[in-house]
Structures are given as C-alpha cells and as structure tokens.
Amino acid sequence: MLSRTLAAEGYSVEASADGGAALAAVERSAPDLVVLDVAMPGIDGLAVARRLRDKGLGLPILLLTARDGVPDRVAGLDAGADDYLVKPFAAEELLARVRALLRRGNELDDVLAHGDLVFDVQGRNAARAGRDLGLSSREADLLELLLLNRRRIVTRELALERVWGGPAAASLNVVDQYVSYLRAKLGDPPLIETVRGTGFLLR
C-alpha cells in the first residue's frame, strides 16, 4: 500500500520485506529517503536506523510504528530517525512528512523565505520586512514547520507531534495558542490562514 501511495506521487520506490533486505537496498540504490517500519522481520527498524547512522549515512529516515508512548518516540529518534509517524495514519500526512524530510535534506542554504518573511534556520530567528520578530524557541519551531510546508495544510496533530513531541507532552489547544502568538508577531497583512477543522497554512 505504501509503495503504491508513494509511486502515485511520482516517487521511485523500492520495497524491502525485512531489515536485512532494507540495509542491502540502501547500499545498492542510495535512496534519497528511507521509510522504516519498526516491526520489520529479522532486523527491526530501530536496528536498521542505527546501522545506517553507524555507516555515516545522513539520509532522512522516517519511522512507522504502532507504539505511541514517549519512550518509544525517544528510542526511535535516538536510533537516528528524523521523524516518527504512529499508525494508523492518513496517507496525506505520510506524504507531507516525506516532502518535508526531502526538502530539509536538499536544503542548500540556511534561510527559508516566504514573501517578505525570512527565517534563519541556524540562528532560529525571523524577520518580516526587515523587522526582527523576537521568536521564542517554540514559535521558531512552529514557524519553520509552516515554512517547510508552505502552501500546504499543517494539521494540528502534525504540529503537536513535530514541535511538542506528541499528545503526551501537550494538547491540541496549545497549537492554536502558539499560532495566535505567531500571528501577533508577524503583523499585517496576515500570513497564517486557519483551515477550519484541520489546521493552518501560509497564504
């Protein structure tokens, strides 16, 4: 199903039935991104991620798992994963995360821009029309997520997972609260649009 979904979006996909085959496929094909199920037969997804990092490979890794506890997410990220998606998930969210990881992996500079808004990825600060916004750490993380997915909807669930670490760390209401903080600092004309019942996107 995942292979068909990704192929339908124009990606060239190679599927592996177990962890050993996945490691061999990475060495053979040098992919731009790896999607790993934690519960793979043989060598599990966490071990595959660790082995890829031990080899010095910096390609983006997205882990898929049915385990949604904080220790499970921490273990996945510590194993070398760049992102963590809990099953069941919508195909749209998987594709959005793949796009974001590929963009980050291919980023040639340390600046994200949208109109008169400029975000310094390394410095974690932003300016609009030359005016420094004075962002907090959480605000910077949320703005970066919106910029990486500009012109696409960022769901509240995705923002909660990527910026706060998931529902165990905070509620969905905190996302709306921080969007309000960002809107106030960004000023007019408004840049962040609310998509009713779904999330937010940059105009």
C-alpha atoms as a PDB file:
ATOM      1  CA  MET A   1       0.000   0.000   0.000  1.00  0.00           C
ATOM      2  CA  LEU A   2       2.790   2.432   0.904  1.00  0.00           C
ATOM      3  CA  SER A   3       4.671   1.627  -2.278  1.00  0.00           C
ATOM      4  CA  ARG A   4       1.586   2.323  -4.372  1.00  0.00           C
ATOM      5  CA  THR A   5       0.835   5.538  -2.493  1.00  0.00           C
ATOM      6  CA  LEU A   6       4.368   6.890  -2.941  1.00  0.00           C
ATOM      7  CA  ALA A   7       4.634   5.750  -6.551  1.00  0.00           C
ATOM      8  CA  ALA A   8       1.359   7.513  -7.348  1.00  0.00           C
ATOM      9  CA  GLU A   9       3.015  10.759  -6.176  1.00  0.00           C
ATOM     10  CA  GLY A  10       5.861  10.260  -8.642  1.00  0.00           C
ATOM     11  CA  TYR A  11       8.479   8.769  -6.324  1.00  0.00           C
ATOM     12  CA  SER A  12      10.698   5.892  -7.425  1.00  0.00           C
ATOM     13  CA  VAL A  13      10.120   3.274  -4.726  1.00  0.00           C
ATOM     14  CA  GLU A  14      11.959   0.105  -3.731  1.00  0.00           C
ATOM     15  CA  ALA A  15      10.262  -2.083  -1.113  1.00  0.00           C
ATOM     16  CA  SER A  16      12.072  -4.497   1.219  1.00  0.00           C
ATOM     17  CA  ALA A  17      10.427  -7.354   3.134  1.00  0.00           C
ATOM     18  CA  ASP A  18      12.780  -7.333   6.131  1.00  0.00           C
ATOM     19  CA  GLY A  19      15.542  -5.370   7.814  1.00  0.00           C
ATOM     20  CA  GLY A  20      18.428  -7.187   6.162  1.00  0.00           C
ATOM     21  CA  ALA A  21      16.959  -6.582   2.715  1.00  0.00           C
ATOM     22  CA  ALA A  22      16.436  -2.934   3.598  1.00  0.00           C
ATOM     23  CA  LEU A  23      20.109  -2.468   4.512  1.00  0.00           C
ATOM     24  CA  ALA A  24      21.186  -4.141   1.283  1.00  0.00           C
ATOM     25  CA  ALA A  25      18.769  -1.976  -0.734  1.00  0.00           C
ATOM     26  CA  VAL A  26      20.153   1.231   0.776  1.00  0.00           C
ATOM     27  CA  GLU A  27      23.716   0.236  -0.077  1.00  0.00           C
ATOM     28  CA  ARG A  28      22.680  -0.755  -3.604  1.00  0.00           C
ATOM     29  CA  SER A  29      20.308   2.075  -4.508  1.00  0.00           C
ATOM     30  CA  ALA A  30      21.498   5.077  -2.413  1.00  0.00           C
ATOM     31  CA  PRO A  31      17.948   6.417  -1.899  1.00  0.00           C
ATOM     32  CA  ASP A  32      17.065   9.990  -1.016  1.00  0.00           C
ATOM     33  CA  LEU A  33      14.918   8.866   1.927  1.00  0.00           C
ATOM     34  CA  VAL A  34      14.182   5.677   3.905  1.00  0.00           C
ATOM     35  CA  VAL A  35      10.783   4.793   5.413  1.00  0.00           C
ATOM     36  CA  LEU A  36      11.181   2.086   8.067  1.00  0.00           C
ATOM     37  CA  ASP A  37       8.547   0.082   9.914  1.00  0.00           C
ATOM     38  CA  VAL A  38       9.793  -0.545  13.441  1.00  0.00           C
ATOM     39  CA  ALA A  39       8.278  -4.070  13.492  1.00  0.00           C
ATOM     40  CA  MET A  40      10.109  -5.459  10.448  1.00  0.00           C
ATOM     41  CA  PRO A  41      11.047  -9.169  10.439  1.00  0.00           C
ATOM     42  CA  GLY A  42      14.646 -10.074  11.169  1.00  0.00           C
ATOM     43  CA  ILE A  43      16.470  -6.831  11.922  1.00  0.00           C
ATOM     44  CA  ASP A  44      13.862  -4.386  13.240  1.00  0.00           C
ATOM     45  CA  GLY A  45      13.503  -0.795  12.122  1.00  0.00           C
ATOM     46  CA  LEU A  46      15.344   0.687  15.101  1.00  0.00           C
ATOM     47  CA  ALA A  47      18.360  -1.536  14.468  1.00  0.00           C
ATOM     48  CA  VAL A  48      18.321  -0.690  10.752  1.00  0.00           C
ATOM     49  CA  ALA A  49      18.278   3.028  11.564  1.00  0.00           C
ATOM     50  CA  ARG A  50      21.200   2.629  13.977  1.00  0.00           C
ATOM     51  CA  ARG A  51      23.236   0.666  11.418  1.00  0.00           C
ATOM     52  CA  LEU A  52      22.620   3.278   8.732  1.00  0.00           C
ATOM     53  CA  ARG A  53      23.811   6.024  11.075  1.00  0.00           C
ATOM     54  CA  ASP A  54      26.806   3.946  12.174  1.00  0.00           C
ATOM     55  CA  LYS A  55      27.793   3.785   8.492  1.00  0.00           C
ATOM     56  CA  GLY A  56      27.802   7.573   8.442  1.00  0.00           C
ATOM     57  CA  LEU A  57      24.781   7.855   6.150  1.00  0.00           C
ATOM     58  CA  GLY A  58      22.921  11.118   6.662  1.00  0.00           C
ATOM     59  CA  LEU A  59      19.872  10.370   4.513  1.00  0.00           C
ATOM     60  CA  PRO A  60      16.483  11.205   6.093  1.00  0.00           C
ATOM     61  CA  ILE A  61      14.780   8.351   7.971  1.00  0.00           C
ATOM     62  CA  LEU A  62      11.045   8.200   8.740  1.00  0.00           C
ATOM     63  CA  LEU A  63       9.954   5.552  11.259  1.00  0.00           C
ATOM     64  CA  LEU A  64       6.486   3.992  11.206  1.00  0.00           C
ATOM     65  CA  THR A  65       5.181   2.248  14.322  1.00  0.00           C
ATOM     66  CA  ALA A  66       2.060   1.339  16.276  1.00  0.00           C
ATOM     67  CA  ARG A  67       3.767   2.372  19.522  1.00  0.00           C
ATOM     68  CA  ASP A  68       2.888   5.910  20.560  1.00  0.00           C
ATOM     69  CA  GLY A  69       4.463   6.203  24.011  1.00  0.00           C
ATOM     70  CA  VAL A  70       7.019   8.897  24.731  1.00  0.00           C
ATOM     71  CA  PRO A  71       9.775   6.297  25.465  1.00  0.00           C
ATOM     72  CA  ASP A  72       9.061   4.691  22.071  1.00  0.00           C
ATOM     73  CA  ARG A  73       9.388   8.015  20.254  1.00  0.00           C
ATOM     74  CA  VAL A  74      12.563   8.836  22.153  1.00  0.00           C
ATOM     75  CA  ALA A  75      14.029   5.420  21.278  1.00  0.00           C
ATOM     76  CA  GLY A  76      13.235   5.973  17.598  1.00  0.00           C
ATOM     77  CA  LEU A  77      14.809   9.414  17.489  1.00  0.00           C
ATOM     78  CA  ASP A  78      17.836   8.241  19.469  1.00  0.00           C
ATOM     79  CA  ALA A  79      18.281   5.405  16.959  1.00  0.00           C
ATOM     80  CA  GLY A  80      18.796   8.024  14.267  1.00  0.00           C
ATOM     81  CA  ALA A  81      15.327   8.663  12.860  1.00  0.00           C
ATOM     82  CA  ASP A  82      14.482  12.175  11.691  1.00  0.00           C
ATOM     83  CA  ASP A  83      10.727  11.755  12.098  1.00  0.00           C
ATOM     84  CA  TYR A  84       8.277   9.333  13.703  1.00  0.00           C
ATOM     85  CA  LEU A  85       4.746   8.524  12.468  1.00  0.00           C
ATOM     86  CA  VAL A  86       2.290   6.494  14.560  1.00  0.00           C
ATOM     87  CA  LYS A  87      -0.146   4.057  12.949  1.00  0.00           C
ATOM     88  CA  PRO A  88      -2.844   4.329  11.885  1.00  0.00           C
ATOM     89  CA  PHE A  89      -2.096   7.446   9.844  1.00  0.00           C
ATOM     90  CA  ALA A  90      -3.589   9.223   6.853  1.00  0.00           C
ATOM     91  CA  ALA A  91      -1.747   8.895   3.541  1.00  0.00           C
ATOM     92  CA  GLU A  92      -1.800  12.689   3.251  1.00  0.00           C
ATOM     93  CA  GLU A  93       0.176  13.065   6.481  1.00  0.00           C
ATOM     94  CA  LEU A  94       2.733  10.476   5.405  1.00  0.00           C
ATOM     95  CA  LEU A  95       3.232  12.297   2.100  1.00  0.00           C
ATOM     96  CA  ALA A  96       3.547  15.665   3.865  1.00  0.00           C
ATOM     97  CA  ARG A  97       6.237  14.290   6.150  1.00  0.00           C
ATOM     98  CA  VAL A  98       8.109  12.737   3.212  1.00  0.00           C
ATOM     99  CA  ARG A  99       8.035  16.091   1.390  1.00  0.00           C
ATOM    100  CA  ALA A 100       9.274  17.932   4.483  1.00  0.00           C
ATOM    101  CA  LEU A 101      12.130  15.478   5.065  1.00  0.00           C
ATOM    102  CA  LEU A 102      13.206  15.629   1.428  1.00  0.00           C
ATOM    103  CA  ARG A 103      13.122  19.423   1.441  1.00  0.00           C
ATOM    104  CA  ARG A 104      15.203  19.538   4.588  1.00  0.00           C
ATOM    105  CA  GLY A 105      17.645  17.014   3.203  1.00  0.00           C
ATOM    106  CA  ASN A 106      18.028  19.002  -0.007  1.00  0.00           C
ATOM    107  CA  GLU A 107      18.145  22.454   1.583  1.00  0.00           C
ATOM    108  CA  LEU A 108      21.094  24.283   0.033  1.00  0.00           C
ATOM    109  CA  ASP A 109      21.177  27.196   2.439  1.00  0.00           C
ATOM    110  CA  ASP A 110      20.139  28.070   5.965  1.00  0.00           C
ATOM    111  CA  VAL A 111      17.350  30.506   5.096  1.00  0.00           C
ATOM    112  CA  LEU A 112      13.658  29.876   4.447  1.00  0.00           C
ATOM    113  CA  ALA A 113      11.722  32.724   2.843  1.00  0.00           C
ATOM    114  CA  HIS A 114       8.070  33.429   2.107  1.00  0.00           C
ATOM    115  CA  GLY A 115       7.241  36.829   0.678  1.00  0.00           C
ATOM    116  CA  ASP A 116       8.784  39.433   2.977  1.00  0.00           C
ATOM    117  CA  LEU A 117       9.276  36.847   5.741  1.00  0.00           C
ATOM    118  CA  VAL A 118      12.804  35.435   6.206  1.00  0.00           C
ATOM    119  CA  PHE A 119      13.679  32.662   8.673  1.00  0.00           C
ATOM    120  CA  ASP A 120      17.267  31.858   9.701  1.00  0.00           C
ATOM    121  CA  VAL A 121      17.303  28.092  10.274  1.00  0.00           C
ATOM    122  CA  GLN A 122      20.584  28.030  12.210  1.00  0.00           C
ATOM    123  CA  GLY A 123      20.015  31.180  14.238  1.00  0.00           C
ATOM    124  CA  ARG A 124      16.354  30.265  14.919  1.00  0.00           C
ATOM    125  CA  ASN A 125      15.191  33.833  14.314  1.00  0.00           C
ATOM    126  CA  ALA A 126      12.964  35.525  11.768  1.00  0.00           C
ATOM    127  CA  ALA A 127      12.343  38.941  10.316  1.00  0.00           C
ATOM    128  CA  ARG A 128       9.477  40.402   8.318  1.00  0.00           C
ATOM    129  CA  ALA A 129      10.149  43.376   6.071  1.00  0.00           C
ATOM    130  CA  GLY A 130      13.421  43.767   7.965  1.00  0.00           C
ATOM    131  CA  ARG A 131      11.752  43.800  11.404  1.00  0.00           C
ATOM    132  CA  ASP A 132      13.049  41.192  13.860  1.00  0.00           C
ATOM    133  CA  LEU A 133      10.188  39.124  15.270  1.00  0.00           C
ATOM    134  CA  GLY A 134      11.815  38.085  18.551  1.00  0.00           C
ATOM    135  CA  LEU A 135      10.541  34.498  18.434  1.00  0.00           C
ATOM    136  CA  SER A 136      10.603  32.074  21.330  1.00  0.00           C
ATOM    137  CA  SER A 137      12.027  28.594  20.718  1.00  0.00           C
ATOM    138  CA  ARG A 138       8.573  27.021  20.257  1.00  0.00           C
ATOM    139  CA  GLU A 139       7.427  29.838  17.989  1.00  0.00           C
ATOM    140  CA  ALA A 140      10.535  29.381  15.843  1.00  0.00           C
ATOM    141  CA  ASP A 141       9.930  25.625  15.563  1.00  0.00           C
ATOM    142  CA  LEU A 142       6.296  26.163  14.589  1.00  0.00           C
ATOM    143  CA  LEU A 143       7.137  28.834  12.015  1.00  0.00           C
ATOM    144  CA  GLU A 144       9.807  26.572  10.497  1.00  0.00           C
ATOM    145  CA  LEU A 145       7.246  23.763  10.162  1.00  0.00           C
ATOM    146  CA  LEU A 146       4.824  26.106   8.392  1.00  0.00           C
ATOM    147  CA  LEU A 147       7.570  27.368   6.082  1.00  0.00           C
ATOM    148  CA  LEU A 148       8.747  23.860   5.200  1.00  0.00           C
ATOM    149  CA  ASN A 149       5.138  23.045   4.257  1.00  0.00           C
ATOM    150  CA  ARG A 150       4.237  26.410   2.738  1.00  0.00           C
ATOM    151  CA  ARG A 151       1.083  26.362   0.626  1.00  0.00           C
ATOM    152  CA  ARG A 152       0.187  23.019   2.252  1.00  0.00           C
ATOM    153  CA  ILE A 153      -2.013  22.485   5.291  1.00  0.00           C
ATOM    154  CA  VAL A 154      -0.181  21.736   8.537  1.00  0.00           C
ATOM    155  CA  THR A 155      -2.590  19.780  10.727  1.00  0.00           C
ATOM    156  CA  ARG A 156      -2.776  20.452  14.452  1.00  0.00           C
ATOM    157  CA  GLU A 157      -1.767  16.834  15.046  1.00  0.00           C
ATOM    158  CA  LEU A 158       1.359  17.201  12.899  1.00  0.00           C
ATOM    159  CA  ALA A 159       2.345  20.448  14.642  1.00  0.00           C
ATOM    160  CA  LEU A 160       1.820  18.870  18.048  1.00  0.00           C
ATOM    161  CA  GLU A 161       3.986  15.891  17.103  1.00  0.00           C
ATOM    162  CA  ARG A 162       6.799  17.838  15.438  1.00  0.00           C
ATOM    163  CA  VAL A 163       7.023  20.835  17.782  1.00  0.00           C
ATOM    164  CA  TRP A 164       5.930  19.450  21.166  1.00  0.00           C
ATOM    165  CA  GLY A 165       6.663  15.737  20.809  1.00  0.00           C
ATOM    166  CA  GLY A 166       3.089  14.460  20.688  1.00  0.00           C
ATOM    167  CA  PRO A 167      -0.133  14.462  22.729  1.00  0.00           C
ATOM    168  CA  ALA A 168       1.632  13.186  25.847  1.00  0.00           C
ATOM    169  CA  ALA A 169       3.521  16.496  26.071  1.00  0.00           C
ATOM    170  CA  ALA A 170       0.724  18.986  25.294  1.00  0.00           C
ATOM    171  CA  SER A 171      -2.847  19.326  23.999  1.00  0.00           C
ATOM    172  CA  LEU A 172      -4.053  20.435  20.581  1.00  0.00           C
ATOM    173  CA  ASN A 173      -5.164  23.741  22.123  1.00  0.00           C
ATOM    174  CA  VAL A 174      -1.544  24.743  22.635  1.00  0.00           C
ATOM    175  CA  VAL A 175      -1.043  24.716  18.849  1.00  0.00           C
ATOM    176  CA  ASP A 176      -3.818  27.300  18.390  1.00  0.00           C
ATOM    177  CA  GLN A 177      -2.347  29.343  21.223  1.00  0.00           C
ATOM    178  CA  TYR A 178       1.098  29.477  19.610  1.00  0.00           C
ATOM    179  CA  VAL A 179      -0.375  30.235  16.190  1.00  0.00           C
ATOM    180  CA  SER A 180      -2.001  33.269  17.845  1.00  0.00           C
ATOM    181  CA  TYR A 181       1.382  34.302  19.255  1.00  0.00           C
ATOM    182  CA  LEU A 182       2.946  33.984  15.806  1.00  0.00           C
ATOM    183  CA  ARG A 183       0.172  35.977  14.136  1.00  0.00           C
ATOM    184  CA  ALA A 184       0.639  38.810  16.600  1.00  0.00           C
ATOM    185  CA  LYS A 185       4.387  38.933  15.953  1.00  0.00           C
ATOM    186  CA  LEU A 186       4.062  38.578  12.165  1.00  0.00           C
ATOM    187  CA  GLY A 187       1.652  41.528  11.963  1.00  0.00           C
ATOM    188  CA  ASP A 188      -0.272  42.611   8.870  1.00  0.00           C
ATOM    189  CA  PRO A 189      -1.113  41.595   6.264  1.00  0.00           C
ATOM    190  CA  PRO A 190      -1.886  38.201   7.877  1.00  0.00           C
ATOM    191  CA  LEU A 191       0.201  35.259   6.677  1.00  0.00           C
ATOM    192  CA  ILE A 192      -1.238  32.290   8.600  1.00  0.00           C
ATOM    193  CA  GLU A 193      -4.661  31.091   7.499  1.00  0.00           C
ATOM    194  CA  THR A 194      -6.853  28.764   9.579  1.00  0.00           C
ATOM    195  CA  VAL A 195      -8.357  25.821   7.689  1.00  0.00           C
ATOM    196  CA  ARG A 196     -11.464  25.048   9.708  1.00  0.00           C
ATOM    197  CA  GLY A 197     -11.353  21.703  11.456  1.00  0.00           C
ATOM    198  CA  THR A 198      -7.940  20.821  10.002  1.00  0.00           C
ATOM    199  CA  GLY A 199      -5.039  23.122  10.718  1.00  0.00           C
ATOM    200  CA  PHE A 200      -3.109  26.037   9.272  1.00  0.00           C
ATOM    201  CA  LEU A 201      -1.256  27.149   6.157  1.00  0.00           C
ATOM    202  CA  LEU A 202       0.772  30.103   4.982  1.00  0.00           C
ATOM    203  CA  ARG A 203      -1.006  32.343   2.479  1.00  0.00           C
END
